[in-house]
């Protein structure tokens, strides 16, 4: 978020035309700045990268409680490291040395209400979600997991929700390149017994 006021306007415009929940990601210098860069229209915010290098951002979570959806979201970019995953920041370019699952557990303790979990190994590949990653986090945490990174077909979305045990899925390429519409995806999932908004 380079310009907090501009992003607040974007949030307001996005929620005025869509009924879907909105999470705003932050890249401000300090975690406590994040709330000034959002509006009450946002359902949740994700702390900036610097929050993962500092002590627990309890002050951010306390302020986030005032947002429409409870306000507490956490975005994790995870890259496989042998049998575990490491947190990466700055768009997946910078390793932190932090175990991703341990960080997610801390975020849950601090009050995060959901995890947007991006597999950097799968991001942009259109080869499907990292199902072991989403399963591990879903089985280890009590808060919802949003699978991200790798969706290339509607079947991948279904797999993320079923075999991956994610509570929700994020897709980009299939919509950006007009491979499918949101309506087509919703119809596909509904026909297979998945509850969608």
N, C-alpha and C. Protein backbone atom coordinates (compact mmCIF):
# COMPACT_ATOMS: atom_id res chain seq x y z
N UNK A 1 0.83 -1.17 0.00
CA UNK A 1 0.00 0.00 0.00
C UNK A 1 0.88 1.24 0.00
N UNK A 2 1.07 1.84 -1.13
CA UNK A 2 1.92 3.01 -1.21
C UNK A 2 1.18 4.25 -0.71
N UNK A 3 -0.11 4.35 -1.00
CA UNK A 3 -0.89 5.51 -0.60
C UNK A 3 -2.11 5.04 0.18
N UNK A 4 -2.10 5.19 1.52
CA UNK A 4 -3.19 4.69 2.34
C UNK A 4 -4.56 5.20 1.93
N UNK A 5 -4.67 6.49 1.61
CA UNK A 5 -5.97 7.05 1.27
C UNK A 5 -6.49 6.49 -0.06
N UNK A 6 -5.58 6.28 -1.00
CA UNK A 6 -5.97 5.70 -2.29
C UNK A 6 -6.48 4.28 -2.10
N UNK A 7 -5.78 3.51 -1.26
CA UNK A 7 -6.21 2.13 -1.02
C UNK A 7 -7.55 2.10 -0.32
N UNK A 8 -7.78 3.02 0.61
CA UNK A 8 -9.08 3.08 1.28
C UNK A 8 -10.19 3.31 0.26
N UNK A 9 -9.93 4.17 -0.73
CA UNK A 9 -10.93 4.40 -1.79
C UNK A 9 -11.15 3.14 -2.61
N UNK A 10 -10.04 2.43 -2.92
CA UNK A 10 -10.17 1.17 -3.68
C UNK A 10 -11.03 0.17 -2.91
N UNK A 11 -10.79 0.07 -1.60
CA UNK A 11 -11.57 -0.86 -0.78
C UNK A 11 -13.05 -0.52 -0.83
N UNK A 12 -13.35 0.77 -0.71
CA UNK A 12 -14.74 1.21 -0.74
C UNK A 12 -15.39 0.90 -2.09
N UNK A 13 -14.67 1.15 -3.18
CA UNK A 13 -15.21 0.88 -4.52
C UNK A 13 -15.42 -0.61 -4.74
N UNK A 14 -14.46 -1.42 -4.28
CA UNK A 14 -14.55 -2.87 -4.48
C UNK A 14 -15.74 -3.45 -3.74
N UNK A 15 -15.95 -3.02 -2.50
CA UNK A 15 -17.06 -3.57 -1.72
C UNK A 15 -18.41 -3.02 -2.16
N UNK A 16 -18.41 -1.89 -2.85
CA UNK A 16 -19.67 -1.31 -3.34
C UNK A 16 -20.23 -2.11 -4.51
N UNK A 17 -19.36 -2.81 -5.23
CA UNK A 17 -19.80 -3.54 -6.42
C UNK A 17 -19.79 -5.04 -6.25
N UNK A 18 -19.23 -5.53 -5.13
CA UNK A 18 -19.15 -6.97 -4.90
C UNK A 18 -19.66 -7.31 -3.51
N UNK A 19 -20.24 -8.50 -3.38
CA UNK A 19 -20.70 -8.96 -2.07
C UNK A 19 -19.68 -9.89 -1.41
N UNK A 20 -18.60 -10.21 -2.13
CA UNK A 20 -17.60 -11.12 -1.58
C UNK A 20 -16.75 -10.42 -0.54
N UNK A 21 -16.23 -11.17 0.44
CA UNK A 21 -15.35 -10.58 1.46
C UNK A 21 -14.09 -10.01 0.82
N UNK A 22 -13.55 -8.98 1.44
CA UNK A 22 -12.35 -8.33 0.92
C UNK A 22 -11.26 -8.32 1.98
N UNK A 23 -10.08 -8.85 1.63
CA UNK A 23 -8.92 -8.76 2.51
C UNK A 23 -7.93 -7.80 1.86
N UNK A 24 -7.46 -6.82 2.62
CA UNK A 24 -6.49 -5.86 2.12
C UNK A 24 -5.11 -6.21 2.66
N UNK A 25 -4.15 -6.40 1.76
CA UNK A 25 -2.78 -6.66 2.18
C UNK A 25 -2.05 -5.36 2.39
N UNK A 26 -1.09 -5.35 3.30
CA UNK A 26 -0.38 -4.12 3.65
C UNK A 26 1.11 -4.26 3.42
N UNK A 27 1.73 -3.17 3.01
CA UNK A 27 3.19 -3.15 2.87
C UNK A 27 3.76 -1.88 3.48
N UNK A 28 3.03 -1.34 4.44
CA UNK A 28 3.47 -0.13 5.10
C UNK A 28 4.65 -0.42 6.02
N UNK A 29 5.31 0.64 6.48
CA UNK A 29 6.53 0.47 7.25
C UNK A 29 6.30 -0.16 8.62
N UNK A 30 5.18 0.14 9.25
CA UNK A 30 4.89 -0.39 10.57
C UNK A 30 3.53 -1.05 10.59
N UNK A 31 3.38 -2.16 11.32
CA UNK A 31 2.10 -2.85 11.36
C UNK A 31 0.94 -1.95 11.78
N UNK A 32 1.16 -1.04 12.73
CA UNK A 32 0.06 -0.22 13.21
C UNK A 32 -0.43 0.78 12.17
N UNK A 33 0.34 1.01 11.11
CA UNK A 33 -0.11 1.90 10.05
C UNK A 33 -1.19 1.26 9.19
N UNK A 34 -1.31 -0.05 9.27
CA UNK A 34 -2.18 -0.76 8.34
C UNK A 34 -3.62 -0.31 8.43
N UNK A 35 -4.10 -0.05 9.63
CA UNK A 35 -5.50 0.32 9.78
C UNK A 35 -5.82 1.66 9.17
N UNK A 36 -4.87 2.58 9.13
CA UNK A 36 -5.13 3.88 8.52
C UNK A 36 -5.23 3.76 7.01
N UNK A 37 -4.78 2.64 6.47
CA UNK A 37 -4.78 2.45 5.03
C UNK A 37 -5.99 1.67 4.55
N UNK A 38 -6.91 1.34 5.45
CA UNK A 38 -8.11 0.60 5.06
C UNK A 38 -9.34 1.39 5.45
N UNK A 39 -10.47 0.88 5.04
CA UNK A 39 -11.73 1.50 5.42
C UNK A 39 -12.59 0.45 6.10
N UNK A 40 -13.69 0.86 6.76
CA UNK A 40 -14.57 -0.13 7.39
C UNK A 40 -15.16 -1.10 6.39
N UNK A 41 -15.01 -0.82 5.08
CA UNK A 41 -15.57 -1.70 4.06
C UNK A 41 -14.80 -3.01 3.97
N UNK A 42 -13.55 -3.03 4.41
CA UNK A 42 -12.75 -4.25 4.34
C UNK A 42 -13.23 -5.25 5.38
N UNK A 43 -13.24 -6.51 5.00
CA UNK A 43 -13.59 -7.56 5.95
C UNK A 43 -12.41 -7.90 6.84
N UNK A 44 -11.19 -7.82 6.31
CA UNK A 44 -10.01 -8.13 7.11
C UNK A 44 -8.79 -7.49 6.49
N UNK A 45 -7.72 -7.40 7.27
CA UNK A 45 -6.46 -6.90 6.77
C UNK A 45 -5.38 -7.92 7.04
N UNK A 46 -4.35 -7.88 6.24
CA UNK A 46 -3.20 -8.75 6.41
C UNK A 46 -2.01 -7.87 6.78
N UNK A 47 -1.31 -8.18 7.88
CA UNK A 47 -0.18 -7.35 8.29
C UNK A 47 0.90 -7.29 7.22
N UNK A 48 1.69 -6.21 7.20
CA UNK A 48 2.77 -6.09 6.23
C UNK A 48 3.91 -7.05 6.54
N UNK A 49 4.82 -7.18 5.58
CA UNK A 49 5.94 -8.10 5.72
C UNK A 49 6.75 -7.85 6.97
N UNK A 50 6.89 -6.57 7.36
CA UNK A 50 7.73 -6.27 8.50
C UNK A 50 7.19 -6.87 9.78
N UNK A 51 5.87 -7.16 9.83
CA UNK A 51 5.31 -7.76 11.04
C UNK A 51 5.90 -9.13 11.30
N UNK A 52 6.37 -9.80 10.25
CA UNK A 52 6.93 -11.13 10.43
C UNK A 52 8.38 -11.07 10.91
N UNK A 53 8.94 -9.88 10.96
CA UNK A 53 10.30 -9.71 11.45
C UNK A 53 10.33 -9.04 12.82
N UNK A 54 9.16 -8.71 13.35
CA UNK A 54 9.07 -8.00 14.62
C UNK A 54 8.31 -8.84 15.64
N UNK A 55 8.23 -8.37 16.90
CA UNK A 55 7.44 -9.09 17.90
C UNK A 55 5.97 -9.16 17.51
N UNK A 56 5.20 -9.90 18.29
CA UNK A 56 3.79 -10.13 18.00
C UNK A 56 3.04 -8.82 17.80
N UNK A 57 2.32 -8.67 16.68
CA UNK A 57 1.60 -7.42 16.41
C UNK A 57 0.23 -7.36 17.07
N UNK A 58 0.21 -7.47 18.43
CA UNK A 58 -1.08 -7.46 19.12
C UNK A 58 -1.84 -6.17 18.88
N UNK A 59 -1.10 -5.04 18.78
CA UNK A 59 -1.77 -3.76 18.58
C UNK A 59 -2.53 -3.73 17.26
N UNK A 60 -1.96 -4.37 16.24
CA UNK A 60 -2.63 -4.43 14.94
C UNK A 60 -3.91 -5.24 15.04
N UNK A 61 -3.82 -6.40 15.70
CA UNK A 61 -5.00 -7.25 15.81
C UNK A 61 -6.11 -6.56 16.58
N UNK A 62 -5.74 -5.81 17.65
CA UNK A 62 -6.76 -5.12 18.43
C UNK A 62 -7.51 -4.10 17.58
N UNK A 63 -6.79 -3.34 16.75
CA UNK A 63 -7.44 -2.35 15.90
C UNK A 63 -8.25 -3.02 14.80
N UNK A 64 -7.79 -4.17 14.34
CA UNK A 64 -8.48 -4.86 13.25
C UNK A 64 -9.85 -5.36 13.66
N UNK A 65 -10.08 -5.54 14.97
CA UNK A 65 -11.36 -6.05 15.44
C UNK A 65 -12.53 -5.16 15.01
N UNK A 66 -12.26 -3.89 14.71
CA UNK A 66 -13.33 -2.98 14.36
C UNK A 66 -13.82 -3.12 12.93
N UNK A 67 -13.13 -3.90 12.10
CA UNK A 67 -13.55 -4.04 10.71
C UNK A 67 -14.75 -4.96 10.58
N UNK A 68 -15.38 -4.92 9.43
CA UNK A 68 -16.67 -5.58 9.22
C UNK A 68 -16.66 -7.07 9.50
N UNK A 69 -15.60 -7.75 9.13
CA UNK A 69 -15.60 -9.20 9.27
C UNK A 69 -14.80 -9.69 10.44
N UNK A 70 -14.53 -8.83 11.41
CA UNK A 70 -13.70 -9.24 12.52
C UNK A 70 -12.29 -8.77 12.30
N UNK A 71 -11.91 -8.59 11.03
CA UNK A 71 -10.71 -7.87 10.69
C UNK A 71 -9.40 -8.58 10.74
N UNK A 72 -9.35 -9.81 11.21
CA UNK A 72 -8.06 -10.43 11.43
C UNK A 72 -7.74 -11.47 10.36
N UNK A 73 -6.82 -11.13 9.49
CA UNK A 73 -6.39 -12.07 8.46
C UNK A 73 -4.89 -12.13 8.44
N UNK A 74 -4.34 -13.23 7.99
CA UNK A 74 -2.89 -13.36 7.90
C UNK A 74 -2.54 -13.97 6.56
N UNK A 75 -1.64 -13.33 5.85
CA UNK A 75 -1.20 -13.83 4.55
C UNK A 75 0.17 -14.47 4.72
N UNK A 76 0.31 -15.71 4.28
CA UNK A 76 1.58 -16.42 4.37
C UNK A 76 2.00 -16.90 3.00
N UNK A 77 3.23 -16.58 2.62
CA UNK A 77 3.83 -17.12 1.40
C UNK A 77 4.82 -18.17 1.86
N UNK A 78 4.55 -19.42 1.53
CA UNK A 78 5.37 -20.53 2.03
C UNK A 78 6.08 -21.24 0.89
N UNK A 79 7.36 -21.54 1.10
CA UNK A 79 8.16 -22.29 0.14
C UNK A 79 8.64 -23.56 0.82
N UNK A 80 8.49 -24.69 0.11
CA UNK A 80 8.88 -25.96 0.71
C UNK A 80 10.37 -25.99 1.01
N UNK A 81 10.69 -26.49 2.20
CA UNK A 81 12.08 -26.64 2.63
C UNK A 81 12.21 -28.01 3.26
N UNK A 82 12.61 -28.96 2.44
CA UNK A 82 12.66 -30.36 2.84
C UNK A 82 11.27 -30.82 3.25
N UNK A 83 11.04 -31.11 4.54
CA UNK A 83 9.74 -31.64 4.94
C UNK A 83 8.86 -30.57 5.59
N UNK A 84 9.29 -29.33 5.56
CA UNK A 84 8.49 -28.25 6.13
C UNK A 84 8.43 -27.10 5.13
N UNK A 85 7.91 -25.96 5.56
CA UNK A 85 7.79 -24.80 4.69
C UNK A 85 8.33 -23.57 5.41
N UNK A 86 8.95 -22.68 4.64
CA UNK A 86 9.53 -21.47 5.19
C UNK A 86 8.73 -20.25 4.75
N UNK A 87 8.58 -19.28 5.64
CA UNK A 87 7.89 -18.03 5.31
C UNK A 87 8.79 -17.17 4.43
N UNK A 88 8.23 -16.69 3.32
CA UNK A 88 8.91 -15.74 2.45
C UNK A 88 8.11 -14.44 2.45
N UNK A 89 8.80 -13.31 2.35
CA UNK A 89 8.13 -12.01 2.33
C UNK A 89 8.52 -11.25 1.07
N UNK A 90 8.01 -10.03 0.94
CA UNK A 90 8.28 -9.19 -0.23
C UNK A 90 7.89 -9.91 -1.53
N UNK A 91 6.64 -10.39 -1.55
CA UNK A 91 6.15 -11.05 -2.74
C UNK A 91 6.81 -12.39 -3.01
N UNK A 92 7.28 -13.05 -1.95
CA UNK A 92 7.90 -14.36 -2.11
C UNK A 92 9.35 -14.31 -2.52
N UNK A 93 9.98 -13.14 -2.44
CA UNK A 93 11.37 -13.00 -2.87
C UNK A 93 12.39 -13.13 -1.73
N UNK A 94 11.96 -12.87 -0.51
CA UNK A 94 12.90 -12.80 0.60
C UNK A 94 12.62 -13.88 1.64
N UNK A 95 13.56 -14.80 1.86
CA UNK A 95 13.36 -15.82 2.90
C UNK A 95 13.53 -15.20 4.29
N UNK A 96 12.82 -15.75 5.26
CA UNK A 96 12.90 -15.23 6.63
C UNK A 96 13.56 -16.19 7.60
N UNK A 97 13.64 -17.48 7.21
CA UNK A 97 14.13 -18.47 8.15
C UNK A 97 13.08 -18.91 9.16
N UNK A 98 11.85 -18.40 9.00
CA UNK A 98 10.76 -18.72 9.93
C UNK A 98 9.97 -19.91 9.39
N UNK A 99 9.70 -20.87 10.25
CA UNK A 99 8.87 -22.01 9.87
C UNK A 99 7.44 -21.52 9.67
N UNK A 100 6.87 -21.80 8.51
CA UNK A 100 5.56 -21.26 8.16
C UNK A 100 4.45 -21.76 9.08
N UNK A 101 4.47 -23.03 9.43
CA UNK A 101 3.41 -23.56 10.29
C UNK A 101 3.51 -22.98 11.70
N UNK A 102 4.73 -22.84 12.20
CA UNK A 102 4.89 -22.25 13.53
C UNK A 102 4.39 -20.80 13.54
N UNK A 103 4.68 -20.06 12.46
CA UNK A 103 4.21 -18.69 12.38
C UNK A 103 2.69 -18.65 12.33
N UNK A 104 2.09 -19.55 11.56
CA UNK A 104 0.63 -19.58 11.45
C UNK A 104 0.00 -19.86 12.81
N UNK A 105 0.62 -20.75 13.58
CA UNK A 105 0.10 -21.04 14.92
C UNK A 105 0.18 -19.81 15.82
N UNK A 106 1.28 -19.05 15.69
CA UNK A 106 1.40 -17.81 16.47
C UNK A 106 0.32 -16.82 16.05
N UNK A 107 0.12 -16.71 14.74
CA UNK A 107 -0.90 -15.78 14.24
C UNK A 107 -2.27 -16.14 14.79
N UNK A 108 -2.55 -17.44 14.86
CA UNK A 108 -3.83 -17.88 15.42
C UNK A 108 -3.92 -17.51 16.90
N UNK A 109 -2.83 -17.69 17.64
CA UNK A 109 -2.81 -17.32 19.05
C UNK A 109 -3.06 -15.83 19.24
N UNK A 110 -2.52 -15.01 18.34
CA UNK A 110 -2.68 -13.56 18.43
C UNK A 110 -4.07 -13.11 18.01
N UNK A 111 -4.84 -14.01 17.42
CA UNK A 111 -6.21 -13.66 17.06
C UNK A 111 -6.53 -13.62 15.59
N UNK A 112 -5.62 -14.08 14.72
CA UNK A 112 -5.92 -14.12 13.29
C UNK A 112 -7.15 -14.99 13.06
N UNK A 113 -8.04 -14.52 12.20
CA UNK A 113 -9.27 -15.26 11.96
C UNK A 113 -9.23 -16.14 10.73
N UNK A 114 -8.18 -16.00 9.91
CA UNK A 114 -8.04 -16.82 8.71
C UNK A 114 -6.61 -16.70 8.21
N UNK A 115 -6.18 -17.66 7.41
CA UNK A 115 -4.85 -17.65 6.82
C UNK A 115 -4.99 -17.73 5.30
N UNK A 116 -4.46 -16.74 4.60
CA UNK A 116 -4.34 -16.81 3.15
C UNK A 116 -2.98 -17.43 2.87
N UNK A 117 -2.98 -18.69 2.47
CA UNK A 117 -1.77 -19.50 2.37
C UNK A 117 -1.35 -19.67 0.92
N UNK A 118 -0.27 -19.03 0.53
CA UNK A 118 0.22 -19.10 -0.85
C UNK A 118 1.44 -20.01 -0.94
N UNK A 119 1.36 -21.01 -1.80
CA UNK A 119 2.51 -21.87 -2.07
C UNK A 119 3.37 -21.21 -3.13
N UNK A 120 4.58 -20.80 -2.74
CA UNK A 120 5.47 -20.17 -3.71
C UNK A 120 6.01 -21.19 -4.71
N UNK A 121 5.98 -22.47 -4.34
CA UNK A 121 6.40 -23.52 -5.26
C UNK A 121 5.42 -23.67 -6.41
N UNK A 122 4.15 -23.41 -6.14
CA UNK A 122 3.10 -23.60 -7.15
C UNK A 122 2.62 -22.29 -7.78
N UNK A 123 2.90 -21.17 -7.16
CA UNK A 123 2.37 -19.89 -7.63
C UNK A 123 2.75 -19.63 -9.09
N UNK A 124 1.75 -19.39 -9.93
CA UNK A 124 1.98 -19.10 -11.34
C UNK A 124 2.18 -20.31 -12.23
N UNK A 125 2.18 -21.51 -11.66
CA UNK A 125 2.45 -22.71 -12.46
C UNK A 125 1.21 -23.25 -13.16
N UNK A 126 0.03 -22.96 -12.62
CA UNK A 126 -1.24 -23.51 -13.11
C UNK A 126 -1.25 -25.04 -13.03
N UNK A 127 -0.46 -25.59 -12.11
CA UNK A 127 -0.35 -27.04 -11.96
C UNK A 127 -1.16 -27.57 -10.78
N UNK A 128 -1.94 -26.71 -10.15
CA UNK A 128 -2.74 -27.13 -9.00
C UNK A 128 -2.11 -26.67 -7.70
N UNK A 129 -2.94 -26.63 -6.67
CA UNK A 129 -2.47 -26.22 -5.35
C UNK A 129 -1.51 -27.25 -4.76
N UNK A 130 -0.71 -26.81 -3.79
CA UNK A 130 0.14 -27.71 -3.02
C UNK A 130 -0.76 -28.35 -1.97
N UNK A 131 -1.36 -29.48 -2.31
CA UNK A 131 -2.34 -30.11 -1.43
C UNK A 131 -1.76 -30.55 -0.09
N UNK A 132 -0.54 -31.11 -0.04
CA UNK A 132 0.04 -31.43 1.27
C UNK A 132 0.19 -30.20 2.16
N UNK A 133 0.52 -29.06 1.56
CA UNK A 133 0.65 -27.81 2.32
C UNK A 133 -0.69 -27.41 2.92
N UNK A 134 -1.73 -27.35 2.10
CA UNK A 134 -3.03 -26.91 2.61
C UNK A 134 -3.59 -27.91 3.62
N UNK A 135 -3.40 -29.21 3.37
CA UNK A 135 -3.88 -30.22 4.32
C UNK A 135 -3.19 -30.07 5.67
N UNK A 136 -1.87 -29.88 5.63
CA UNK A 136 -1.10 -29.76 6.88
C UNK A 136 -1.58 -28.58 7.70
N UNK A 137 -1.78 -27.44 7.06
CA UNK A 137 -2.21 -26.25 7.79
C UNK A 137 -3.65 -26.39 8.25
N UNK A 138 -4.51 -26.95 7.41
CA UNK A 138 -5.90 -27.12 7.78
C UNK A 138 -6.05 -28.07 8.96
N UNK A 139 -5.26 -29.14 8.96
CA UNK A 139 -5.33 -30.11 10.05
C UNK A 139 -4.70 -29.60 11.34
N UNK A 140 -3.80 -28.61 11.22
CA UNK A 140 -3.05 -28.14 12.38
C UNK A 140 -3.65 -26.90 13.04
N UNK A 141 -4.54 -26.21 12.33
CA UNK A 141 -5.11 -24.96 12.84
C UNK A 141 -6.62 -25.07 12.92
N UNK A 142 -7.20 -24.25 13.77
CA UNK A 142 -8.66 -24.27 13.89
C UNK A 142 -9.33 -23.13 13.12
N UNK A 143 -8.53 -22.24 12.52
CA UNK A 143 -9.08 -21.13 11.74
C UNK A 143 -9.10 -21.50 10.26
N UNK A 144 -9.93 -20.83 9.47
CA UNK A 144 -10.03 -21.16 8.04
C UNK A 144 -8.72 -20.95 7.28
N UNK A 145 -8.50 -21.83 6.29
CA UNK A 145 -7.33 -21.74 5.41
C UNK A 145 -7.82 -21.44 4.00
N UNK A 146 -7.25 -20.41 3.39
CA UNK A 146 -7.54 -20.07 2.00
C UNK A 146 -6.35 -20.51 1.16
N UNK A 147 -6.56 -21.49 0.28
CA UNK A 147 -5.47 -22.01 -0.56
C UNK A 147 -5.19 -21.04 -1.69
N UNK A 148 -3.90 -20.82 -1.95
CA UNK A 148 -3.49 -19.90 -3.02
C UNK A 148 -2.22 -20.41 -3.67
N UNK A 149 -2.12 -20.19 -4.98
CA UNK A 149 -0.92 -20.56 -5.71
C UNK A 149 -1.06 -21.86 -6.48
N UNK A 150 -1.24 -21.75 -7.81
CA UNK A 150 -1.23 -22.94 -8.65
C UNK A 150 -2.51 -23.28 -9.37
N UNK A 151 -3.61 -22.58 -9.09
CA UNK A 151 -4.87 -22.93 -9.74
C UNK A 151 -4.81 -22.65 -11.24
N UNK A 152 -5.10 -23.68 -12.02
CA UNK A 152 -5.10 -23.53 -13.47
C UNK A 152 -6.36 -24.03 -14.12
N UNK A 153 -7.16 -24.80 -13.37
CA UNK A 153 -8.42 -25.33 -13.88
C UNK A 153 -9.46 -25.30 -12.77
N UNK A 154 -10.72 -25.50 -13.15
CA UNK A 154 -11.76 -25.59 -12.13
C UNK A 154 -11.58 -26.83 -11.28
N UNK A 155 -11.02 -27.88 -11.87
CA UNK A 155 -10.75 -29.10 -11.11
C UNK A 155 -9.76 -28.83 -9.98
N UNK A 156 -8.79 -27.96 -10.24
CA UNK A 156 -7.83 -27.61 -9.19
C UNK A 156 -8.54 -26.95 -8.00
N UNK A 157 -9.51 -26.10 -8.28
CA UNK A 157 -10.25 -25.45 -7.20
C UNK A 157 -10.98 -26.49 -6.36
N UNK A 158 -11.62 -27.44 -7.03
CA UNK A 158 -12.33 -28.50 -6.32
C UNK A 158 -11.36 -29.33 -5.49
N UNK A 159 -10.21 -29.66 -6.05
CA UNK A 159 -9.21 -30.44 -5.31
C UNK A 159 -8.72 -29.69 -4.08
N UNK A 160 -8.52 -28.38 -4.21
CA UNK A 160 -8.07 -27.61 -3.06
C UNK A 160 -9.07 -27.66 -1.91
N UNK A 161 -10.35 -27.65 -2.25
CA UNK A 161 -11.40 -27.66 -1.24
C UNK A 161 -11.67 -29.04 -0.68
N UNK A 162 -11.41 -30.07 -1.45
CA UNK A 162 -11.71 -31.43 -1.01
C UNK A 162 -10.44 -32.15 -0.54
N UNK A 163 -9.58 -32.51 -1.46
CA UNK A 163 -8.36 -33.22 -1.09
C UNK A 163 -7.41 -32.35 -0.27
N UNK A 164 -7.40 -31.05 -0.55
CA UNK A 164 -6.53 -30.15 0.20
C UNK A 164 -7.13 -29.67 1.51
N UNK A 165 -8.42 -29.90 1.68
CA UNK A 165 -9.15 -29.53 2.89
C UNK A 165 -9.11 -28.03 3.21
N UNK A 166 -8.94 -27.21 2.18
CA UNK A 166 -8.98 -25.76 2.38
C UNK A 166 -10.43 -25.32 2.59
N UNK A 167 -10.61 -24.24 3.32
CA UNK A 167 -11.95 -23.70 3.54
C UNK A 167 -12.39 -22.80 2.40
N UNK A 168 -11.42 -22.26 1.67
CA UNK A 168 -11.69 -21.42 0.51
C UNK A 168 -10.47 -21.49 -0.40
N UNK A 169 -10.66 -21.06 -1.64
CA UNK A 169 -9.56 -21.09 -2.60
C UNK A 169 -9.45 -19.74 -3.31
N UNK A 170 -8.23 -19.39 -3.67
CA UNK A 170 -7.96 -18.17 -4.42
C UNK A 170 -7.46 -18.57 -5.80
N UNK A 171 -7.97 -17.91 -6.82
CA UNK A 171 -7.51 -18.15 -8.19
C UNK A 171 -7.31 -16.81 -8.88
N UNK A 172 -6.35 -16.76 -9.77
CA UNK A 172 -6.07 -15.51 -10.48
C UNK A 172 -6.03 -15.71 -11.99
N UNK A 173 -5.12 -16.56 -12.45
CA UNK A 173 -4.88 -16.71 -13.88
C UNK A 173 -6.13 -17.12 -14.66
N UNK A 174 -6.92 -18.04 -14.10
CA UNK A 174 -8.08 -18.52 -14.85
C UNK A 174 -9.10 -17.41 -15.07
N UNK A 175 -9.07 -16.38 -14.23
CA UNK A 175 -9.96 -15.23 -14.41
C UNK A 175 -9.29 -14.13 -15.23
N UNK A 176 -8.01 -13.88 -14.95
CA UNK A 176 -7.30 -12.82 -15.67
C UNK A 176 -7.27 -13.08 -17.18
N UNK A 177 -7.05 -14.35 -17.54
CA UNK A 177 -6.96 -14.70 -18.96
C UNK A 177 -8.30 -15.18 -19.52
N UNK A 178 -9.36 -14.97 -18.74
CA UNK A 178 -10.73 -15.27 -19.16
C UNK A 178 -10.93 -16.72 -19.59
N UNK A 179 -10.23 -17.58 -18.90
CA UNK A 179 -10.41 -19.02 -19.13
C UNK A 179 -11.78 -19.45 -18.61
N UNK A 180 -12.17 -18.87 -17.48
CA UNK A 180 -13.49 -19.12 -16.89
C UNK A 180 -13.99 -17.84 -16.24
N UNK A 181 -15.30 -17.75 -16.07
CA UNK A 181 -15.87 -16.64 -15.31
C UNK A 181 -16.12 -17.11 -13.88
N UNK A 182 -16.33 -16.15 -12.99
CA UNK A 182 -16.64 -16.49 -11.60
C UNK A 182 -17.93 -17.30 -11.55
N UNK A 183 -18.90 -16.92 -12.37
CA UNK A 183 -20.16 -17.65 -12.41
C UNK A 183 -19.99 -19.09 -12.82
N UNK A 184 -19.15 -19.34 -13.81
CA UNK A 184 -18.89 -20.71 -14.25
C UNK A 184 -18.26 -21.54 -13.14
N UNK A 185 -17.32 -20.94 -12.43
CA UNK A 185 -16.66 -21.66 -11.34
C UNK A 185 -17.65 -21.98 -10.23
N UNK A 186 -18.49 -21.01 -9.88
CA UNK A 186 -19.48 -21.25 -8.83
C UNK A 186 -20.44 -22.37 -9.22
N UNK A 187 -20.88 -22.36 -10.47
CA UNK A 187 -21.80 -23.41 -10.94
C UNK A 187 -21.13 -24.77 -10.90
N UNK A 188 -19.87 -24.81 -11.32
CA UNK A 188 -19.10 -26.06 -11.32
C UNK A 188 -18.99 -26.62 -9.91
N UNK A 189 -18.66 -25.77 -8.96
CA UNK A 189 -18.49 -26.22 -7.58
C UNK A 189 -19.82 -26.61 -6.95
N UNK A 190 -20.86 -25.82 -7.19
CA UNK A 190 -22.18 -26.16 -6.64
C UNK A 190 -22.65 -27.52 -7.13
N UNK A 191 -22.42 -27.80 -8.42
CA UNK A 191 -22.85 -29.07 -9.01
C UNK A 191 -22.13 -30.25 -8.37
N UNK A 192 -21.03 -29.99 -7.71
CA UNK A 192 -20.25 -31.05 -7.06
C UNK A 192 -20.36 -31.00 -5.54
N UNK A 193 -21.39 -30.33 -5.07
CA UNK A 193 -21.71 -30.35 -3.65
C UNK A 193 -20.95 -29.37 -2.78
N UNK A 194 -20.28 -28.40 -3.39
CA UNK A 194 -19.52 -27.42 -2.61
C UNK A 194 -20.39 -26.19 -2.38
N UNK A 195 -20.48 -25.75 -1.14
CA UNK A 195 -21.24 -24.55 -0.81
C UNK A 195 -20.43 -23.32 -1.21
N UNK A 196 -21.02 -22.44 -1.99
CA UNK A 196 -20.34 -21.21 -2.42
C UNK A 196 -21.21 -20.01 -2.13
N UNK A 197 -20.58 -18.83 -2.03
CA UNK A 197 -21.33 -17.60 -1.76
C UNK A 197 -21.83 -17.01 -3.07
